[in-house]
Amino acid sequence: AVPGRRNSIPNLHKALSVMRYFMTTNVNDKISLFLSSIIILTIGCIFYASITGQFEKHKSWVYSVDNNKQDIVVSASENELLLWNKRKCTDRLVGHTDAIKTVAFSHSGQQIASGSIDKSIKVWSSTNKKAIKTLNSHKEGVNKVEFSNTDKYIISAGYDDKMFIWDW
């Protein structure tokens, strides 16, 4: 016996018996077992999502998220912003022509700023869900936007190694 390995022989026998089972089982039984496992895993994932409050699925990667005081969440994915309320997508804001890398709610919660690989920053109204301003000066994509504490300015950073302070 090896110190610290009390049940190594019984565990080895269990592993070998599982291997023997798979070696002696016909292909149809293996396929049935595989498909049953997929179904069980899928049901488990759906159950997990329902109890943990997972959000609906995006079409692509989610690059950025933010929320306001009313617990509305905005997420950036590809060239659209998604607004969420109680884990359900309520609106899609489309206007950028390339992936949105950053998003931020204003401190008042009335505006949303988004920065994209298309080199633009858009300011959106969170009430009427429309773009109210487009800011262009970056020579490369925008990777960060933030509102100042008073919401008077938007600060942006880009892949062009520039930072701008916008009096929008």
C-alpha atoms as a PDB file:
ATOM      1  CA  ALA A   1       0.000   0.000   0.000  1.00  0.00           C
ATOM      2  CA  VAL A   2       1.155   3.508  -0.811  1.00  0.00           C
ATOM      3  CA  PRO A   3       0.871   6.040   2.051  1.00  0.00           C
ATOM      4  CA  GLY A   4      -1.846   8.618   1.402  1.00  0.00           C
ATOM      5  CA  ARG A   5      -3.491   6.465  -1.307  1.00  0.00           C
ATOM      6  CA  ARG A   6      -5.956   4.371   0.625  1.00  0.00           C
ATOM      7  CA  ASN A   7      -8.427   3.487  -2.087  1.00  0.00           C
ATOM      8  CA  SER A   8      -6.170   3.490  -5.118  1.00  0.00           C
ATOM      9  CA  ILE A   9      -6.745  -0.211  -5.997  1.00  0.00           C
ATOM     10  CA  PRO A  10     -10.595  -0.123  -5.766  1.00  0.00           C
ATOM     11  CA  ASN A  11     -10.604   3.129  -7.806  1.00  0.00           C
ATOM     12  CA  LEU A  12      -8.413   1.477 -10.429  1.00  0.00           C
ATOM     13  CA  HIS A  13     -10.872  -1.437 -10.622  1.00  0.00           C
ATOM     14  CA  LYS A  14     -13.759   1.011 -11.083  1.00  0.00           C
ATOM     15  CA  ALA A  15     -11.929   2.817 -13.892  1.00  0.00           C
ATOM     16  CA  LEU A  16     -11.066  -0.463 -15.595  1.00  0.00           C
ATOM     17  CA  SER A  17     -14.668  -1.693 -15.357  1.00  0.00           C
ATOM     18  CA  VAL A  18     -15.905   1.539 -16.997  1.00  0.00           C
ATOM     19  CA  MET A  19     -13.307   1.116 -19.752  1.00  0.00           C
ATOM     20  CA  ARG A  20     -14.343  -2.547 -20.247  1.00  0.00           C
ATOM     21  CA  TYR A  21     -17.987  -1.479 -20.502  1.00  0.00           C
ATOM     22  CA  PHE A  22     -17.216   1.006 -23.289  1.00  0.00           C
ATOM     23  CA  MET A  23     -14.993  -1.468 -25.107  1.00  0.00           C
ATOM     24  CA  THR A  24     -17.639  -4.226 -25.080  1.00  0.00           C
ATOM     25  CA  THR A  25     -20.712  -2.053 -25.718  1.00  0.00           C
ATOM     26  CA  ASN A  26     -21.987  -1.825 -29.280  1.00  0.00           C
ATOM     27  CA  VAL A  27     -22.004   1.459 -31.195  1.00  0.00           C
ATOM     28  CA  ASN A  28     -25.775   2.022 -30.913  1.00  0.00           C
ATOM     29  CA  ASP A  29     -25.636   1.829 -27.111  1.00  0.00           C
ATOM     30  CA  LYS A  30     -22.725   4.285 -27.062  1.00  0.00           C
ATOM     31  CA  ILE A  31     -24.650   6.710 -29.281  1.00  0.00           C
ATOM     32  CA  SER A  32     -27.737   6.386 -27.063  1.00  0.00           C
ATOM     33  CA  LEU A  33     -25.666   7.044 -23.957  1.00  0.00           C
ATOM     34  CA  PHE A  34     -24.017  10.048 -25.624  1.00  0.00           C
ATOM     35  CA  LEU A  35     -27.349  11.555 -26.752  1.00  0.00           C
ATOM     36  CA  SER A  36     -28.891  10.948 -23.324  1.00  0.00           C
ATOM     37  CA  SER A  37     -25.955  12.749 -21.727  1.00  0.00           C
ATOM     38  CA  ILE A  38     -26.423  15.727 -24.095  1.00  0.00           C
ATOM     39  CA  ILE A  39     -30.131  15.917 -23.223  1.00  0.00           C
ATOM     40  CA  ILE A  40     -29.427  15.750 -19.495  1.00  0.00           C
ATOM     41  CA  LEU A  41     -26.740  18.461 -19.785  1.00  0.00           C
ATOM     42  CA  THR A  42     -29.080  20.702 -21.820  1.00  0.00           C
ATOM     43  CA  ILE A  43     -31.883  20.340 -19.285  1.00  0.00           C
ATOM     44  CA  GLY A  44     -29.397  21.072 -16.510  1.00  0.00           C
ATOM     45  CA  CYS A  45     -28.189  24.233 -18.265  1.00  0.00           C
ATOM     46  CA  ILE A  46     -31.748  25.464 -18.803  1.00  0.00           C
ATOM     47  CA  PHE A  47     -32.585  24.784 -15.151  1.00  0.00           C
ATOM     48  CA  TYR A  48     -29.383  26.535 -14.005  1.00  0.00           C
ATOM     49  CA  ALA A  49     -30.178  29.583 -16.156  1.00  0.00           C
ATOM     50  CA  SER A  50     -33.715  29.778 -14.766  1.00  0.00           C
ATOM     51  CA  ILE A  51     -32.624  29.691 -11.133  1.00  0.00           C
ATOM     52  CA  THR A  52     -29.595  31.974 -11.518  1.00  0.00           C
ATOM     53  CA  GLY A  53     -31.358  34.620 -13.609  1.00  0.00           C
ATOM     54  CA  GLN A  54     -29.195  34.408 -16.715  1.00  0.00           C
ATOM     55  CA  PHE A  55     -29.942  36.946 -19.431  1.00  0.00           C
ATOM     56  CA  GLU A  56     -31.076  36.032 -22.923  1.00  0.00           C
ATOM     57  CA  LYS A  57     -28.313  35.204 -25.364  1.00  0.00           C
ATOM     58  CA  HIS A  58     -26.567  37.820 -27.493  1.00  0.00           C
ATOM     59  CA  LYS A  59     -25.854  37.259 -31.171  1.00  0.00           C
ATOM     60  CA  SER A  60     -22.136  37.657 -30.502  1.00  0.00           C
ATOM     61  CA  TRP A  61     -19.626  38.526 -27.776  1.00  0.00           C
ATOM     62  CA  VAL A  62     -20.650  41.033 -25.122  1.00  0.00           C
ATOM     63  CA  TYR A  63     -17.934  43.682 -24.900  1.00  0.00           C
ATOM     64  CA  SER A  64     -19.283  46.036 -22.244  1.00  0.00           C
ATOM     65  CA  VAL A  65     -22.145  46.498 -19.755  1.00  0.00           C
ATOM     66  CA  ASP A  66     -23.397  49.241 -17.450  1.00  0.00           C
ATOM     67  CA  ASN A  67     -26.528  49.936 -15.414  1.00  0.00           C
ATOM     68  CA  ASN A  68     -28.433  52.975 -14.174  1.00  0.00           C
ATOM     69  CA  LYS A  69     -30.240  53.742 -10.909  1.00  0.00           C
ATOM     70  CA  GLN A  70     -33.466  52.167 -12.214  1.00  0.00           C
ATOM     71  CA  ASP A  71     -31.651  48.843 -12.687  1.00  0.00           C
ATOM     72  CA  ILE A  72     -31.852  49.083 -16.451  1.00  0.00           C
ATOM     73  CA  VAL A  73     -28.819  47.362 -17.931  1.00  0.00           C
ATOM     74  CA  VAL A  74     -27.244  48.247 -21.261  1.00  0.00           C
ATOM     75  CA  SER A  75     -24.930  45.820 -23.016  1.00  0.00           C
ATOM     76  CA  ALA A  76     -22.811  46.225 -26.123  1.00  0.00           C
ATOM     77  CA  SER A  77     -22.532  43.473 -28.681  1.00  0.00           C
ATOM     78  CA  GLU A  78     -21.463  43.778 -32.296  1.00  0.00           C
ATOM     79  CA  ASN A  79     -23.042  46.977 -33.686  1.00  0.00           C
ATOM     80  CA  GLU A  80     -26.034  47.210 -31.351  1.00  0.00           C
ATOM     81  CA  LEU A  81     -26.819  48.150 -27.783  1.00  0.00           C
ATOM     82  CA  LEU A  82     -29.333  46.058 -25.889  1.00  0.00           C
ATOM     83  CA  LEU A  83     -31.379  47.501 -23.032  1.00  0.00           C
ATOM     84  CA  TRP A  84     -32.465  45.039 -20.366  1.00  0.00           C
ATOM     85  CA  ASN A  85     -35.149  45.262 -17.698  1.00  0.00           C
ATOM     86  CA  LYS A  86     -35.656  42.353 -15.321  1.00  0.00           C
ATOM     87  CA  ARG A  87     -33.376  40.142 -17.436  1.00  0.00           C
ATOM     88  CA  LYS A  88     -35.451  40.637 -20.591  1.00  0.00           C
ATOM     89  CA  CYS A  89     -34.271  42.585 -23.617  1.00  0.00           C
ATOM     90  CA  THR A  90     -36.622  45.558 -24.021  1.00  0.00           C
ATOM     91  CA  ASP A  91     -34.882  47.566 -26.774  1.00  0.00           C
ATOM     92  CA  ARG A  92     -32.160  47.304 -29.402  1.00  0.00           C
ATOM     93  CA  LEU A  93     -30.337  50.502 -30.336  1.00  0.00           C
ATOM     94  CA  VAL A  94     -28.650  50.317 -33.729  1.00  0.00           C
ATOM     95  CA  GLY A  95     -26.474  53.013 -35.265  1.00  0.00           C
ATOM     96  CA  HIS A  96     -22.815  52.016 -35.185  1.00  0.00           C
ATOM     97  CA  THR A  97     -21.341  50.337 -38.240  1.00  0.00           C
ATOM     98  CA  ASP A  98     -18.879  48.112 -36.358  1.00  0.00           C
ATOM     99  CA  ALA A  99     -18.491  46.408 -32.976  1.00  0.00           C
ATOM    100  CA  ILE A 100     -19.323  48.522 -29.905  1.00  0.00           C
ATOM    101  CA  LYS A 101     -16.491  48.109 -27.414  1.00  0.00           C
ATOM    102  CA  THR A 102     -17.676  50.336 -24.562  1.00  0.00           C
ATOM    103  CA  VAL A 103     -20.894  51.676 -23.098  1.00  0.00           C
ATOM    104  CA  ALA A 104     -21.756  53.933 -20.154  1.00  0.00           C
ATOM    105  CA  PHE A 105     -24.900  55.377 -18.600  1.00  0.00           C
ATOM    106  CA  SER A 106     -24.820  59.024 -17.596  1.00  0.00           C
ATOM    107  CA  HIS A 107     -25.101  59.630 -13.845  1.00  0.00           C
ATOM    108  CA  SER A 108     -28.641  60.915 -14.356  1.00  0.00           C
ATOM    109  CA  GLY A 109     -29.514  57.744 -16.267  1.00  0.00           C
ATOM    110  CA  GLN A 110     -31.012  59.811 -19.101  1.00  0.00           C
ATOM    111  CA  GLN A 111     -28.235  59.250 -21.654  1.00  0.00           C
ATOM    112  CA  ILE A 112     -26.073  56.378 -22.797  1.00  0.00           C
ATOM    113  CA  ALA A 113     -22.684  56.809 -24.472  1.00  0.00           C
ATOM    114  CA  SER A 114     -21.253  54.116 -26.717  1.00  0.00           C
ATOM    115  CA  GLY A 115     -17.858  53.833 -28.378  1.00  0.00           C
ATOM    116  CA  SER A 116     -17.170  51.650 -31.372  1.00  0.00           C
ATOM    117  CA  ILE A 117     -14.475  50.233 -33.619  1.00  0.00           C
ATOM    118  CA  ASP A 118     -16.100  52.456 -36.299  1.00  0.00           C
ATOM    119  CA  LYS A 119     -14.192  55.362 -34.586  1.00  0.00           C
ATOM    120  CA  SER A 120     -17.360  57.103 -33.373  1.00  0.00           C
ATOM    121  CA  ILE A 121     -19.038  57.832 -30.073  1.00  0.00           C
ATOM    122  CA  LYS A 122     -22.802  57.973 -29.992  1.00  0.00           C
ATOM    123  CA  VAL A 123     -24.892  59.566 -27.270  1.00  0.00           C
ATOM    124  CA  TRP A 124     -28.327  58.000 -26.945  1.00  0.00           C
ATOM    125  CA  SER A 125     -31.476  59.103 -25.137  1.00  0.00           C
ATOM    126  CA  SER A 126     -32.444  56.352 -22.722  1.00  0.00           C
ATOM    127  CA  THR A 127     -36.066  57.540 -22.821  1.00  0.00           C
ATOM    128  CA  ASN A 128     -36.787  57.711 -26.571  1.00  0.00           C
ATOM    129  CA  LYS A 129     -34.051  55.198 -27.534  1.00  0.00           C
ATOM    130  CA  LYS A 130     -32.605  57.393 -30.325  1.00  0.00           C
ATOM    131  CA  ALA A 131     -29.090  58.619 -31.020  1.00  0.00           C
ATOM    132  CA  ILE A 132     -28.987  62.325 -30.126  1.00  0.00           C
ATOM    133  CA  LYS A 133     -25.352  63.057 -30.996  1.00  0.00           C
ATOM    134  CA  THR A 134     -22.425  61.473 -32.823  1.00  0.00           C
ATOM    135  CA  LEU A 135     -18.884  62.490 -31.883  1.00  0.00           C
ATOM    136  CA  ASN A 136     -16.059  61.882 -34.367  1.00  0.00           C
ATOM    137  CA  SER A 137     -12.361  62.644 -33.871  1.00  0.00           C
ATOM    138  CA  HIS A 138     -10.716  59.339 -33.089  1.00  0.00           C
ATOM    139  CA  LYS A 139      -8.559  57.975 -35.918  1.00  0.00           C
ATOM    140  CA  GLU A 140      -8.940  54.392 -34.630  1.00  0.00           C
ATOM    141  CA  GLY A 141     -11.634  52.549 -32.697  1.00  0.00           C
ATOM    142  CA  VAL A 142     -12.924  53.769 -29.333  1.00  0.00           C
ATOM    143  CA  ASN A 143     -12.278  51.447 -26.389  1.00  0.00           C
ATOM    144  CA  LYS A 144     -13.611  53.460 -23.404  1.00  0.00           C
ATOM    145  CA  VAL A 145     -16.274  56.096 -22.733  1.00  0.00           C
ATOM    146  CA  GLU A 146     -17.319  57.643 -19.422  1.00  0.00           C
ATOM    147  CA  PHE A 147     -19.492  60.557 -18.363  1.00  0.00           C
ATOM    148  CA  SER A 148     -18.054  63.203 -16.041  1.00  0.00           C
ATOM    149  CA  ASN A 149     -19.632  63.475 -12.590  1.00  0.00           C
ATOM    150  CA  THR A 150     -21.891  66.304 -13.796  1.00  0.00           C
ATOM    151  CA  ASP A 151     -22.727  64.561 -17.126  1.00  0.00           C
ATOM    152  CA  LYS A 152     -21.549  67.719 -18.926  1.00  0.00           C
ATOM    153  CA  TYR A 153     -18.538  65.981 -20.473  1.00  0.00           C
ATOM    154  CA  ILE A 154     -17.842  62.608 -22.028  1.00  0.00           C
ATOM    155  CA  ILE A 155     -14.323  61.256 -21.759  1.00  0.00           C
ATOM    156  CA  SER A 156     -13.199  58.808 -24.434  1.00  0.00           C
ATOM    157  CA  ALA A 157     -10.079  56.752 -25.078  1.00  0.00           C
ATOM    158  CA  GLY A 158      -9.189  55.098 -28.355  1.00  0.00           C
ATOM    159  CA  TYR A 159      -6.891  52.645 -30.013  1.00  0.00           C
ATOM    160  CA  ASP A 160      -5.261  55.694 -31.642  1.00  0.00           C
ATOM    161  CA  ASP A 161      -3.538  56.443 -28.290  1.00  0.00           C
ATOM    162  CA  LYS A 162      -5.718  59.548 -27.822  1.00  0.00           C
ATOM    163  CA  MET A 163      -8.042  60.650 -25.077  1.00  0.00           C
ATOM    164  CA  PHE A 164     -10.732  63.274 -25.677  1.00  0.00           C
ATOM    165  CA  ILE A 165     -12.910  65.284 -23.333  1.00  0.00           C
ATOM    166  CA  TRP A 166     -16.119  66.157 -25.156  1.00  0.00           C
ATOM    167  CA  ASP A 167     -18.325  69.107 -24.159  1.00  0.00           C
ATOM    168  CA  TRP A 168     -21.270  67.591 -25.918  1.00  0.00           C
END
